Amino acid sequence: MSEKKKVSLLEGFKVFLLRGNVIDLAIAVVIGAAFTNIVNAFVTGVIDPLVGAFGTKDLGSYSSCLKGPCATDPKTGEATEGIRILWGSVLSATLSFVITAAVVYFLMVLPMAKYLARRAAMQAAKDGVQETLEVSELEVLKEIRDVLVSQRSGPAGEGRGQEPGRGHDE
């Protein structure tokens, strides 16, 4: 029985891995990583030089000294005295995030939202037409029923008071 249970666990794991959501998620992670590289290259190649027009080209080099005189070891680049706050790297990461968010919103989210809204409107119109058809079919069926009832009643009034669809023998 334990071997059968192992097979079912492996089968369940296989089903999980081959589920569309997992594959879509894996693709999204790979595309996201590649997209991050593009955004980082854009920040490094375009934004940093634009900021560098007013200061240094490397945003990461912008910093402030919080406590005492800040001194760094020229060989290692580590702080030897004082407490340095590297706000330039935070600014660079923030710019990367804002650019990424803007590209995702304007190139992916907004067009998809418009597409889904258009599709929902088309579906609502289709449902309205279907509902109209159902109502008109119901009206036609009611007219047919009324004609059948009136034919069954006959000109002499026989069969009145009976339910439609019931004969004299029932």
C-alpha atoms as a PDB file:
ATOM      1  CA  MET A   1       0.000   0.000   0.000  1.00  0.00           C
ATOM      2  CA  SER A   2       2.889   2.378   0.688  1.00  0.00           C
ATOM      3  CA  GLU A   3       4.079   2.019  -2.913  1.00  0.00           C
ATOM      4  CA  LYS A   4       0.592   2.866  -4.177  1.00  0.00           C
ATOM      5  CA  LYS A   5       0.557   5.907  -1.902  1.00  0.00           C
ATOM      6  CA  LYS A   6       3.957   7.012  -3.260  1.00  0.00           C
ATOM      7  CA  VAL A   7       2.672   6.718  -6.811  1.00  0.00           C
ATOM      8  CA  SER A   8      -0.383   8.784  -5.976  1.00  0.00           C
ATOM      9  CA  LEU A   9       1.779  11.429  -4.290  1.00  0.00           C
ATOM     10  CA  LEU A  10       4.023  11.581  -7.339  1.00  0.00           C
ATOM     11  CA  GLU A  11       0.997  11.753  -9.622  1.00  0.00           C
ATOM     12  CA  GLY A  12      -0.447  14.559  -7.532  1.00  0.00           C
ATOM     13  CA  PHE A  13       2.854  16.417  -7.675  1.00  0.00           C
ATOM     14  CA  LYS A  14       2.974  15.925 -11.453  1.00  0.00           C
ATOM     15  CA  VAL A  15      -0.552  17.281 -11.826  1.00  0.00           C
ATOM     16  CA  PHE A  16       0.400  20.260  -9.655  1.00  0.00           C
ATOM     17  CA  LEU A  17       3.485  21.033 -11.732  1.00  0.00           C
ATOM     18  CA  LEU A  18       1.680  20.710 -15.035  1.00  0.00           C
ATOM     19  CA  ARG A  19      -1.209  22.874 -13.926  1.00  0.00           C
ATOM     20  CA  GLY A  20      -1.447  25.987 -16.086  1.00  0.00           C
ATOM     21  CA  ASN A  21      -1.122  28.395 -13.160  1.00  0.00           C
ATOM     22  CA  VAL A  22       2.265  27.030 -12.077  1.00  0.00           C
ATOM     23  CA  ILE A  23       3.665  27.196 -15.591  1.00  0.00           C
ATOM     24  CA  ASP A  24       2.300  30.716 -16.077  1.00  0.00           C
ATOM     25  CA  LEU A  25       3.836  31.772 -12.780  1.00  0.00           C
ATOM     26  CA  ALA A  26       7.237  30.329 -13.757  1.00  0.00           C
ATOM     27  CA  ILE A  27       7.104  32.194 -17.062  1.00  0.00           C
ATOM     28  CA  ALA A  28       6.162  35.401 -15.249  1.00  0.00           C
ATOM     29  CA  VAL A  29       9.125  35.056 -12.881  1.00  0.00           C
ATOM     30  CA  VAL A  30      11.559  34.541 -15.768  1.00  0.00           C
ATOM     31  CA  ILE A  31      10.111  37.458 -17.734  1.00  0.00           C
ATOM     32  CA  GLY A  32      10.127  39.606 -14.588  1.00  0.00           C
ATOM     33  CA  ALA A  33      13.808  38.878 -13.975  1.00  0.00           C
ATOM     34  CA  ALA A  34      14.669  39.776 -17.565  1.00  0.00           C
ATOM     35  CA  PHE A  35      12.538  42.902 -17.323  1.00  0.00           C
ATOM     36  CA  THR A  36      14.315  43.903 -14.104  1.00  0.00           C
ATOM     37  CA  ASN A  37      17.616  43.766 -15.963  1.00  0.00           C
ATOM     38  CA  ILE A  38      16.214  46.078 -18.640  1.00  0.00           C
ATOM     39  CA  VAL A  39      14.945  48.572 -16.047  1.00  0.00           C
ATOM     40  CA  ASN A  40      18.222  48.493 -14.118  1.00  0.00           C
ATOM     41  CA  ALA A  41      20.146  49.103 -17.355  1.00  0.00           C
ATOM     42  CA  PHE A  42      17.819  52.011 -18.150  1.00  0.00           C
ATOM     43  CA  VAL A  43      18.366  53.551 -14.724  1.00  0.00           C
ATOM     44  CA  THR A  44      22.119  53.018 -14.911  1.00  0.00           C
ATOM     45  CA  GLY A  45      22.469  54.129 -18.534  1.00  0.00           C
ATOM     46  CA  VAL A  46      19.951  56.966 -18.759  1.00  0.00           C
ATOM     47  CA  ILE A  47      18.673  58.144 -15.372  1.00  0.00           C
ATOM     48  CA  ASP A  48      22.023  58.098 -13.561  1.00  0.00           C
ATOM     49  CA  PRO A  49      23.762  60.210 -16.247  1.00  0.00           C
ATOM     50  CA  LEU A  50      20.844  62.676 -16.222  1.00  0.00           C
ATOM     51  CA  VAL A  51      21.193  62.989 -12.464  1.00  0.00           C
ATOM     52  CA  GLY A  52      24.964  63.073 -12.973  1.00  0.00           C
ATOM     53  CA  ALA A  53      24.544  66.270 -14.956  1.00  0.00           C
ATOM     54  CA  PHE A  54      23.853  67.915 -11.597  1.00  0.00           C
ATOM     55  CA  GLY A  55      26.257  65.844  -9.484  1.00  0.00           C
ATOM     56  CA  THR A  56      27.989  62.489  -9.737  1.00  0.00           C
ATOM     57  CA  LYS A  57      26.960  59.911 -12.320  1.00  0.00           C
ATOM     58  CA  ASP A  58      26.497  57.160  -9.732  1.00  0.00           C
ATOM     59  CA  LEU A  59      23.351  57.586  -7.632  1.00  0.00           C
ATOM     60  CA  GLY A  60      24.702  55.019  -5.190  1.00  0.00           C
ATOM     61  CA  SER A  61      27.510  57.390  -4.225  1.00  0.00           C
ATOM     62  CA  TYR A  62      25.120  59.964  -2.777  1.00  0.00           C
ATOM     63  CA  SER A  63      25.213  59.703   0.991  1.00  0.00           C
ATOM     64  CA  SER A  64      25.019  61.676   4.191  1.00  0.00           C
ATOM     65  CA  CYS A  65      26.948  61.335   7.401  1.00  0.00           C
ATOM     66  CA  LEU A  66      24.696  60.714  10.379  1.00  0.00           C
ATOM     67  CA  LYS A  67      27.205  60.694  13.200  1.00  0.00           C
ATOM     68  CA  GLY A  68      30.673  62.162  13.343  1.00  0.00           C
ATOM     69  CA  PRO A  69      32.956  62.783  10.450  1.00  0.00           C
ATOM     70  CA  CYS A  70      32.508  60.011   7.883  1.00  0.00           C
ATOM     71  CA  ALA A  71      35.710  58.533   6.599  1.00  0.00           C
ATOM     72  CA  THR A  72      36.087  55.545   4.301  1.00  0.00           C
ATOM     73  CA  ASP A  73      39.028  53.288   3.645  1.00  0.00           C
ATOM     74  CA  PRO A  74      40.091  53.997   0.042  1.00  0.00           C
ATOM     75  CA  LYS A  75      41.192  50.378  -0.475  1.00  0.00           C
ATOM     76  CA  THR A  76      38.057  48.600   0.747  1.00  0.00           C
ATOM     77  CA  GLY A  77      35.491  51.402   0.456  1.00  0.00           C
ATOM     78  CA  GLU A  78      34.088  50.617   3.891  1.00  0.00           C
ATOM     79  CA  ALA A  79      33.328  53.259   6.499  1.00  0.00           C
ATOM     80  CA  THR A  80      36.033  53.567   9.122  1.00  0.00           C
ATOM     81  CA  GLU A  81      34.510  56.432  11.083  1.00  0.00           C
ATOM     82  CA  GLY A  82      31.004  57.786  11.522  1.00  0.00           C
ATOM     83  CA  ILE A  83      27.681  56.398  10.312  1.00  0.00           C
ATOM     84  CA  ARG A  84      26.979  56.858   6.615  1.00  0.00           C
ATOM     85  CA  ILE A  85      23.437  56.793   5.213  1.00  0.00           C
ATOM     86  CA  LEU A  86      23.465  55.736   1.548  1.00  0.00           C
ATOM     87  CA  TRP A  87      20.320  57.495   0.403  1.00  0.00           C
ATOM     88  CA  GLY A  88      21.481  57.521  -3.223  1.00  0.00           C
ATOM     89  CA  SER A  89      21.068  53.747  -3.536  1.00  0.00           C
ATOM     90  CA  VAL A  90      17.562  54.038  -2.071  1.00  0.00           C
ATOM     91  CA  LEU A  91      16.770  56.772  -4.602  1.00  0.00           C
ATOM     92  CA  SER A  92      18.092  54.581  -7.421  1.00  0.00           C
ATOM     93  CA  ALA A  93      16.005  51.595  -6.274  1.00  0.00           C
ATOM     94  CA  THR A  94      12.946  53.829  -5.928  1.00  0.00           C
ATOM     95  CA  LEU A  95      13.398  55.147  -9.461  1.00  0.00           C
ATOM     96  CA  SER A  96      13.754  51.582 -10.728  1.00  0.00           C
ATOM     97  CA  PHE A  97      10.546  50.612  -8.951  1.00  0.00           C
ATOM     98  CA  VAL A  98       8.591  53.616 -10.257  1.00  0.00           C
ATOM     99  CA  ILE A  99       9.772  53.013 -13.823  1.00  0.00           C
ATOM    100  CA  THR A 100       8.937  49.312 -13.574  1.00  0.00           C
ATOM    101  CA  ALA A 101       5.506  50.049 -12.133  1.00  0.00           C
ATOM    102  CA  ALA A 102       4.792  52.651 -14.840  1.00  0.00           C
ATOM    103  CA  VAL A 103       5.785  50.302 -17.647  1.00  0.00           C
ATOM    104  CA  VAL A 104       3.771  47.429 -16.203  1.00  0.00           C
ATOM    105  CA  TYR A 105       0.734  49.659 -15.671  1.00  0.00           C
ATOM    106  CA  PHE A 106       0.755  51.454 -19.020  1.00  0.00           C
ATOM    107  CA  LEU A 107       1.855  48.534 -21.199  1.00  0.00           C
ATOM    108  CA  MET A 108       0.116  45.636 -19.454  1.00  0.00           C
ATOM    109  CA  VAL A 109      -2.503  46.508 -16.845  1.00  0.00           C
ATOM    110  CA  LEU A 110      -4.252  49.387 -18.612  1.00  0.00           C
ATOM    111  CA  PRO A 111      -4.599  47.669 -22.020  1.00  0.00           C
ATOM    112  CA  MET A 112      -5.793  44.461 -20.333  1.00  0.00           C
ATOM    113  CA  ALA A 113      -8.354  46.390 -18.269  1.00  0.00           C
ATOM    114  CA  LYS A 114      -9.672  48.089 -21.416  1.00  0.00           C
ATOM    115  CA  TYR A 115      -9.826  44.738 -23.226  1.00  0.00           C
ATOM    116  CA  LEU A 116     -11.687  43.087 -20.339  1.00  0.00           C
ATOM    117  CA  ALA A 117     -14.127  46.017 -20.096  1.00  0.00           C
ATOM    118  CA  ARG A 118     -14.811  45.806 -23.830  1.00  0.00           C
ATOM    119  CA  ARG A 119     -15.292  42.057 -23.555  1.00  0.00           C
ATOM    120  CA  ALA A 120     -17.657  42.446 -20.575  1.00  0.00           C
ATOM    121  CA  ALA A 121     -19.704  45.022 -22.499  1.00  0.00           C
ATOM    122  CA  MET A 122     -19.953  42.677 -25.477  1.00  0.00           C
ATOM    123  CA  GLN A 123     -20.997  39.822 -23.166  1.00  0.00           C
ATOM    124  CA  ALA A 124     -23.610  42.036 -21.490  1.00  0.00           C
ATOM    125  CA  ALA A 125     -25.009  43.013 -24.887  1.00  0.00           C
ATOM    126  CA  LYS A 126     -25.050  39.362 -25.934  1.00  0.00           C
ATOM    127  CA  ASP A 127     -26.831  38.406 -22.702  1.00  0.00           C
ATOM    128  CA  GLY A 128     -29.375  41.179 -23.306  1.00  0.00           C
ATOM    129  CA  VAL A 129     -30.091  39.857 -26.805  1.00  0.00           C
ATOM    130  CA  GLN A 130     -30.366  36.311 -25.432  1.00  0.00           C
ATOM    131  CA  GLU A 131     -32.779  37.500 -22.740  1.00  0.00           C
ATOM    132  CA  THR A 132     -34.872  39.309 -25.367  1.00  0.00           C
ATOM    133  CA  LEU A 133     -34.963  36.135 -27.463  1.00  0.00           C
ATOM    134  CA  GLU A 134     -36.026  34.095 -24.438  1.00  0.00           C
ATOM    135  CA  VAL A 135     -38.794  36.586 -23.634  1.00  0.00           C
ATOM    136  CA  SER A 136     -40.053  36.593 -27.238  1.00  0.00           C
ATOM    137  CA  GLU A 137     -39.934  32.774 -27.312  1.00  0.00           C
ATOM    138  CA  LEU A 138     -41.962  32.721 -24.113  1.00  0.00           C
ATOM    139  CA  GLU A 139     -44.521  35.056 -25.637  1.00  0.00           C
ATOM    140  CA  VAL A 140     -44.808  32.853 -28.736  1.00  0.00           C
ATOM    141  CA  LEU A 141     -45.265  29.772 -26.558  1.00  0.00           C
ATOM    142  CA  LYS A 142     -47.980  31.529 -24.567  1.00  0.00           C
ATOM    143  CA  GLU A 143     -49.781  32.440 -27.796  1.00  0.00           C
ATOM    144  CA  ILE A 144     -49.556  28.832 -28.994  1.00  0.00           C
ATOM    145  CA  ARG A 145     -50.943  27.641 -25.668  1.00  0.00           C
ATOM    146  CA  ASP A 146     -53.808  30.114 -25.869  1.00  0.00           C
ATOM    147  CA  VAL A 147     -54.641  29.012 -29.426  1.00  0.00           C
ATOM    148  CA  LEU A 148     -54.584  25.353 -28.390  1.00  0.00           C
ATOM    149  CA  VAL A 149     -56.805  26.075 -25.401  1.00  0.00           C
ATOM    150  CA  SER A 150     -59.244  27.987 -27.549  1.00  0.00           C
ATOM    151  CA  GLN A 151     -59.304  25.172 -30.148  1.00  0.00           C
ATOM    152  CA  ARG A 152     -59.907  22.602 -27.446  1.00  0.00           C
ATOM    153  CA  SER A 153     -62.727  24.637 -25.978  1.00  0.00           C
ATOM    154  CA  GLY A 154     -64.388  24.624 -29.348  1.00  0.00           C
ATOM    155  CA  PRO A 155     -67.139  26.916 -30.547  1.00  0.00           C
ATOM    156  CA  ALA A 156     -69.793  25.226 -28.382  1.00  0.00           C
ATOM    157  CA  GLY A 157     -67.860  25.810 -25.199  1.00  0.00           C
ATOM    158  CA  GLU A 158     -67.122  22.140 -24.508  1.00  0.00           C
ATOM    159  CA  GLY A 159     -64.216  21.401 -22.217  1.00  0.00           C
ATOM    160  CA  ARG A 160     -64.254  24.735 -20.422  1.00  0.00           C
ATOM    161  CA  GLY A 161     -62.880  24.833 -16.930  1.00  0.00           C
ATOM    162  CA  GLN A 162     -60.334  22.131 -17.618  1.00  0.00           C
ATOM    163  CA  GLU A 163     -56.607  22.570 -17.399  1.00  0.00           C
ATOM    164  CA  PRO A 164     -54.840  22.939 -20.714  1.00  0.00           C
ATOM    165  CA  GLY A 165     -53.467  19.651 -21.934  1.00  0.00           C
ATOM    166  CA  ARG A 166     -56.079  17.483 -20.119  1.00  0.00           C
ATOM    167  CA  GLY A 167     -58.686  15.628 -22.061  1.00  0.00           C
ATOM    168  CA  HIS A 168     -62.125  14.349 -21.050  1.00  0.00           C
ATOM    169  CA  ASP A 169     -60.838  10.849 -20.259  1.00  0.00           C
ATOM    170  CA  GLU A 170     -58.395  11.871 -17.559  1.00  0.00           C
END
